Amino acid sequence: MMRNKIVFYKDLYIGATVRDVKKTMHHIIKGKKMLNTYIIILANGTDLFEIMHTVLLNQTYYKQHPPIVVGIANGYNEAIEVVRLIIEDYYKQTGNMDIKSLFQTLKD
């Protein structure tokens, strides 16, 4: 299924130092360059997530195949922390590690 716009997870995970989430999301949608903003997206294949700098969204591939964003962070290290938080939260809620099932409805 091809989407024509970036999809944000309804319970978006936000890094501790991200300010003004709505403005950041707006900049992501518009393709504005943000110096140190990373997004956590659903990965294709067997991986759970990918961490990528927002500037990569300007590549042709992502314009044709916009990602599903599940987290936003300032800096790569904070993005790693956000991924850890997603996995930890899911495990606490379900007791299992089938994290892909949480996001499956977004991919369908």
N, C-alpha and C. Protein backbone atom coordinates (compact mmCIF):
# COMPACT_ATOMS: atom_id res chain seq x y z
N MET A 1 0.85 -1.19 0.00
CA MET A 1 0.00 0.00 0.00
C MET A 1 0.89 1.24 0.00
N MET A 2 0.62 2.17 -0.88
CA MET A 2 1.44 3.37 -0.93
C MET A 2 0.68 4.54 -0.30
N ARG A 3 1.33 5.17 0.65
CA ARG A 3 0.76 6.34 1.29
C ARG A 3 1.35 7.58 0.64
N ASN A 4 0.63 8.67 0.70
CA ASN A 4 1.16 9.89 0.09
C ASN A 4 1.59 10.90 1.13
N LYS A 5 1.59 10.51 2.41
CA LYS A 5 2.06 11.43 3.43
C LYS A 5 2.62 10.65 4.61
N ILE A 6 3.43 11.33 5.38
CA ILE A 6 4.03 10.73 6.57
C ILE A 6 2.92 10.43 7.57
N VAL A 7 2.99 9.25 8.18
CA VAL A 7 2.03 8.85 9.20
C VAL A 7 2.74 8.90 10.55
N PHE A 8 2.09 9.53 11.51
CA PHE A 8 2.61 9.58 12.87
C PHE A 8 1.78 8.67 13.76
N TYR A 9 2.45 7.83 14.52
CA TYR A 9 1.78 6.95 15.48
C TYR A 9 0.98 7.81 16.46
N LYS A 10 -0.23 7.39 16.78
CA LYS A 10 -1.12 8.21 17.62
C LYS A 10 -0.54 8.46 19.01
N ASP A 11 0.23 7.52 19.54
CA ASP A 11 0.87 7.69 20.85
C ASP A 11 2.37 7.89 20.65
N LEU A 12 2.71 8.86 19.84
CA LEU A 12 4.08 9.15 19.45
C LEU A 12 5.00 9.24 20.67
N TYR A 13 6.14 8.58 20.59
CA TYR A 13 7.15 8.66 21.65
C TYR A 13 8.03 9.86 21.38
N ILE A 14 8.24 10.66 22.40
CA ILE A 14 8.98 11.91 22.26
C ILE A 14 10.19 11.89 23.19
N GLY A 15 11.36 12.25 22.65
CA GLY A 15 12.57 12.34 23.46
C GLY A 15 12.45 13.44 24.50
N ALA A 16 13.19 13.29 25.57
CA ALA A 16 13.10 14.20 26.72
C ALA A 16 13.42 15.65 26.38
N THR A 17 14.25 15.89 25.38
CA THR A 17 14.65 17.26 25.08
C THR A 17 13.93 17.88 23.89
N VAL A 18 12.98 17.17 23.33
CA VAL A 18 12.22 17.70 22.19
C VAL A 18 11.25 18.76 22.71
N ARG A 19 11.32 19.93 22.14
CA ARG A 19 10.42 21.03 22.51
C ARG A 19 9.44 21.26 21.37
N ASP A 20 8.26 21.69 21.68
CA ASP A 20 7.24 22.03 20.70
C ASP A 20 7.04 20.91 19.66
N VAL A 21 6.43 19.85 20.12
CA VAL A 21 6.24 18.65 19.31
C VAL A 21 5.43 18.95 18.04
N LYS A 22 4.36 19.72 18.17
CA LYS A 22 3.54 20.03 16.99
C LYS A 22 4.34 20.77 15.92
N LYS A 23 5.16 21.71 16.35
CA LYS A 23 5.99 22.46 15.41
C LYS A 23 7.02 21.52 14.74
N THR A 24 7.59 20.64 15.54
CA THR A 24 8.56 19.68 15.00
C THR A 24 7.89 18.77 13.98
N MET A 25 6.70 18.28 14.30
CA MET A 25 5.96 17.43 13.35
C MET A 25 5.65 18.19 12.07
N HIS A 26 5.26 19.44 12.20
CA HIS A 26 4.97 20.28 11.03
C HIS A 26 6.23 20.41 10.16
N HIS A 27 7.37 20.65 10.79
CA HIS A 27 8.62 20.77 10.03
C HIS A 27 8.97 19.46 9.34
N ILE A 28 8.71 18.34 10.00
CA ILE A 28 8.98 17.03 9.39
C ILE A 28 8.11 16.85 8.15
N ILE A 29 6.83 17.16 8.28
CA ILE A 29 5.90 17.01 7.15
C ILE A 29 6.31 17.90 5.98
N LYS A 30 6.73 19.12 6.28
CA LYS A 30 7.10 20.09 5.24
C LYS A 30 8.50 19.87 4.68
N GLY A 31 9.27 18.95 5.29
CA GLY A 31 10.61 18.67 4.79
C GLY A 31 11.63 19.71 5.14
N LYS A 32 11.37 20.48 6.19
CA LYS A 32 12.32 21.50 6.60
C LYS A 32 13.52 20.84 7.27
N LYS A 33 14.68 21.44 7.06
CA LYS A 33 15.90 20.90 7.64
C LYS A 33 15.98 21.29 9.11
N MET A 34 16.20 20.27 9.92
CA MET A 34 16.36 20.48 11.36
C MET A 34 17.70 19.86 11.75
N LEU A 35 18.53 20.64 12.36
CA LEU A 35 19.92 20.28 12.60
C LEU A 35 20.11 18.94 13.30
N ASN A 36 19.39 18.69 14.37
CA ASN A 36 19.69 17.53 15.20
C ASN A 36 18.46 16.69 15.50
N THR A 37 17.49 16.67 14.60
CA THR A 37 16.25 15.94 14.85
C THR A 37 16.28 14.60 14.13
N TYR A 38 16.01 13.56 14.91
CA TYR A 38 15.95 12.20 14.41
C TYR A 38 14.56 11.65 14.60
N ILE A 39 14.18 10.74 13.72
CA ILE A 39 12.89 10.07 13.87
C ILE A 39 13.13 8.57 13.98
N ILE A 40 12.22 7.93 14.68
CA ILE A 40 12.22 6.49 14.78
C ILE A 40 11.05 6.03 13.92
N ILE A 41 11.36 5.21 12.93
CA ILE A 41 10.33 4.76 12.00
C ILE A 41 10.22 3.23 12.06
N LEU A 42 9.08 2.73 11.61
CA LEU A 42 8.92 1.28 11.51
C LEU A 42 9.80 0.78 10.38
N ALA A 43 10.53 -0.28 10.66
CA ALA A 43 11.43 -0.85 9.67
C ALA A 43 10.70 -1.87 8.81
N ASN A 44 11.17 -2.04 7.61
CA ASN A 44 10.70 -3.12 6.75
C ASN A 44 11.52 -4.36 7.07
N GLY A 45 11.00 -5.49 6.80
CA GLY A 45 11.74 -6.72 7.04
C GLY A 45 11.66 -7.16 8.49
N THR A 46 12.75 -7.75 8.97
CA THR A 46 12.74 -8.32 10.31
C THR A 46 13.11 -7.33 11.41
N ASP A 47 13.73 -6.23 11.06
CA ASP A 47 14.08 -5.22 12.08
C ASP A 47 12.82 -4.58 12.62
N LEU A 48 12.89 -4.09 13.85
CA LEU A 48 11.75 -3.41 14.45
C LEU A 48 11.67 -1.96 14.02
N PHE A 49 12.78 -1.24 14.18
CA PHE A 49 12.79 0.20 13.94
C PHE A 49 14.03 0.61 13.17
N GLU A 50 13.96 1.79 12.61
CA GLU A 50 15.12 2.45 12.03
C GLU A 50 15.19 3.83 12.65
N ILE A 51 16.40 4.27 12.92
CA ILE A 51 16.62 5.63 13.40
C ILE A 51 17.23 6.39 12.23
N MET A 52 16.61 7.50 11.89
CA MET A 52 17.14 8.27 10.76
C MET A 52 17.03 9.77 11.01
N HIS A 53 17.97 10.49 10.46
CA HIS A 53 17.94 11.95 10.53
C HIS A 53 16.82 12.44 9.62
N THR A 54 16.13 13.48 10.03
CA THR A 54 14.99 13.98 9.25
C THR A 54 15.38 14.47 7.86
N VAL A 55 16.61 14.87 7.66
CA VAL A 55 17.02 15.36 6.35
C VAL A 55 16.91 14.26 5.28
N LEU A 56 16.97 12.99 5.70
CA LEU A 56 16.85 11.88 4.75
C LEU A 56 15.45 11.79 4.14
N LEU A 57 14.47 12.41 4.79
CA LEU A 57 13.10 12.39 4.25
C LEU A 57 13.00 13.12 2.92
N ASN A 58 14.00 13.92 2.59
CA ASN A 58 14.00 14.64 1.32
C ASN A 58 14.46 13.77 0.16
N GLN A 59 14.89 12.55 0.43
CA GLN A 59 15.28 11.64 -0.64
C GLN A 59 14.04 11.18 -1.39
N THR A 60 14.22 10.90 -2.66
CA THR A 60 13.12 10.50 -3.52
C THR A 60 12.36 9.30 -2.95
N TYR A 61 13.08 8.32 -2.44
CA TYR A 61 12.42 7.11 -1.93
C TYR A 61 11.39 7.46 -0.86
N TYR A 62 11.78 8.30 0.10
CA TYR A 62 10.86 8.63 1.20
C TYR A 62 9.73 9.55 0.77
N LYS A 63 9.94 10.28 -0.33
CA LYS A 63 8.83 11.08 -0.86
C LYS A 63 7.78 10.17 -1.50
N GLN A 64 8.24 9.08 -2.09
CA GLN A 64 7.32 8.13 -2.72
C GLN A 64 6.78 7.11 -1.73
N HIS A 65 7.52 6.84 -0.67
CA HIS A 65 7.14 5.86 0.35
C HIS A 65 7.34 6.47 1.73
N PRO A 66 6.47 7.39 2.11
CA PRO A 66 6.64 8.06 3.41
C PRO A 66 6.61 7.05 4.56
N PRO A 67 7.46 7.26 5.56
CA PRO A 67 7.55 6.31 6.66
C PRO A 67 6.44 6.49 7.69
N ILE A 68 6.34 5.51 8.57
CA ILE A 68 5.47 5.59 9.73
C ILE A 68 6.37 5.97 10.91
N VAL A 69 6.16 7.15 11.45
CA VAL A 69 6.99 7.67 12.52
C VAL A 69 6.38 7.29 13.87
N VAL A 70 7.18 6.62 14.70
CA VAL A 70 6.71 6.24 16.03
C VAL A 70 7.41 7.02 17.13
N GLY A 71 8.47 7.75 16.78
CA GLY A 71 9.18 8.54 17.78
C GLY A 71 9.97 9.68 17.17
N ILE A 72 10.20 10.69 17.99
CA ILE A 72 10.99 11.86 17.59
C ILE A 72 11.99 12.13 18.70
N ALA A 73 13.23 12.46 18.31
CA ALA A 73 14.27 12.71 19.31
C ALA A 73 15.21 13.81 18.84
N ASN A 74 15.87 14.43 19.80
CA ASN A 74 16.94 15.37 19.51
C ASN A 74 18.26 14.62 19.68
N GLY A 75 18.90 14.32 18.60
CA GLY A 75 20.17 13.62 18.64
C GLY A 75 20.02 12.12 18.55
N TYR A 76 21.07 11.50 18.07
CA TYR A 76 21.06 10.06 17.86
C TYR A 76 20.98 9.31 19.19
N ASN A 77 21.73 9.76 20.18
CA ASN A 77 21.71 9.08 21.47
C ASN A 77 20.33 9.12 22.11
N GLU A 78 19.64 10.24 21.99
CA GLU A 78 18.29 10.32 22.52
C GLU A 78 17.35 9.40 21.73
N ALA A 79 17.59 9.27 20.44
CA ALA A 79 16.77 8.36 19.62
C ALA A 79 16.93 6.92 20.10
N ILE A 80 18.14 6.53 20.44
CA ILE A 80 18.38 5.20 20.99
C ILE A 80 17.61 5.03 22.29
N GLU A 81 17.60 6.05 23.12
CA GLU A 81 16.86 6.02 24.38
C GLU A 81 15.36 5.89 24.13
N VAL A 82 14.86 6.56 23.11
CA VAL A 82 13.43 6.47 22.78
C VAL A 82 13.08 5.05 22.33
N VAL A 83 13.93 4.44 21.53
CA VAL A 83 13.70 3.05 21.11
C VAL A 83 13.68 2.14 22.34
N ARG A 84 14.62 2.35 23.24
CA ARG A 84 14.65 1.55 24.47
C ARG A 84 13.35 1.73 25.24
N LEU A 85 12.86 2.94 25.32
CA LEU A 85 11.62 3.23 26.04
C LEU A 85 10.42 2.54 25.38
N ILE A 86 10.36 2.55 24.06
CA ILE A 86 9.27 1.89 23.34
C ILE A 86 9.25 0.39 23.69
N ILE A 87 10.43 -0.23 23.61
CA ILE A 87 10.52 -1.67 23.88
C ILE A 87 10.17 -1.96 25.34
N GLU A 88 10.69 -1.16 26.25
CA GLU A 88 10.42 -1.35 27.68
C GLU A 88 8.93 -1.18 27.99
N ASP A 89 8.31 -0.13 27.45
CA ASP A 89 6.88 0.11 27.67
C ASP A 89 6.04 -1.06 27.17
N TYR A 90 6.36 -1.53 25.98
CA TYR A 90 5.59 -2.62 25.41
C TYR A 90 5.72 -3.88 26.26
N TYR A 91 6.93 -4.18 26.68
CA TYR A 91 7.14 -5.38 27.49
C TYR A 91 6.40 -5.28 28.83
N LYS A 92 6.43 -4.10 29.45
CA LYS A 92 5.71 -3.90 30.72
C LYS A 92 4.20 -4.09 30.53
N GLN A 93 3.68 -3.65 29.40
CA GLN A 93 2.24 -3.73 29.15
C GLN A 93 1.78 -5.13 28.77
N THR A 94 2.61 -5.87 28.05
CA THR A 94 2.15 -7.14 27.50
C THR A 94 2.86 -8.37 28.06
N GLY A 95 4.06 -8.18 28.56
CA GLY A 95 4.84 -9.32 29.04
C GLY A 95 5.48 -10.11 27.92
N ASN A 96 5.40 -9.63 26.69
CA ASN A 96 6.08 -10.32 25.58
C ASN A 96 6.83 -9.32 24.73
N MET A 97 7.53 -9.84 23.75
CA MET A 97 8.36 -8.98 22.91
C MET A 97 7.87 -8.92 21.46
N ASP A 98 6.59 -9.20 21.24
CA ASP A 98 6.03 -9.14 19.89
C ASP A 98 5.67 -7.70 19.54
N ILE A 99 6.67 -6.86 19.50
CA ILE A 99 6.48 -5.42 19.33
C ILE A 99 5.89 -5.09 17.96
N LYS A 100 6.23 -5.85 16.95
CA LYS A 100 5.70 -5.57 15.61
C LYS A 100 4.17 -5.59 15.59
N SER A 101 3.56 -6.42 16.44
CA SER A 101 2.09 -6.51 16.45
C SER A 101 1.47 -5.19 16.91
N LEU A 102 2.16 -4.45 17.77
CA LEU A 102 1.65 -3.15 18.23
C LEU A 102 1.43 -2.21 17.07
N PHE A 103 2.32 -2.23 16.11
CA PHE A 103 2.28 -1.29 15.00
C PHE A 103 1.71 -1.89 13.71
N GLN A 104 1.34 -3.14 13.72
CA GLN A 104 0.89 -3.82 12.51
C GLN A 104 -0.28 -3.10 11.83
N THR A 105 -1.21 -2.58 12.61
CA THR A 105 -2.37 -1.90 12.01
C THR A 105 -1.95 -0.65 11.24
N LEU A 106 -0.84 -0.05 11.61
CA LEU A 106 -0.37 1.13 10.88
C LEU A 106 0.18 0.74 9.52
N LYS A 107 0.74 -0.43 9.41
CA LYS A 107 1.35 -0.86 8.14
C LYS A 107 0.31 -1.38 7.16
N ASP A 108 -0.82 -1.86 7.65
CA ASP A 108 -1.86 -2.43 6.78
C ASP A 108 -2.63 -1.37 6.04
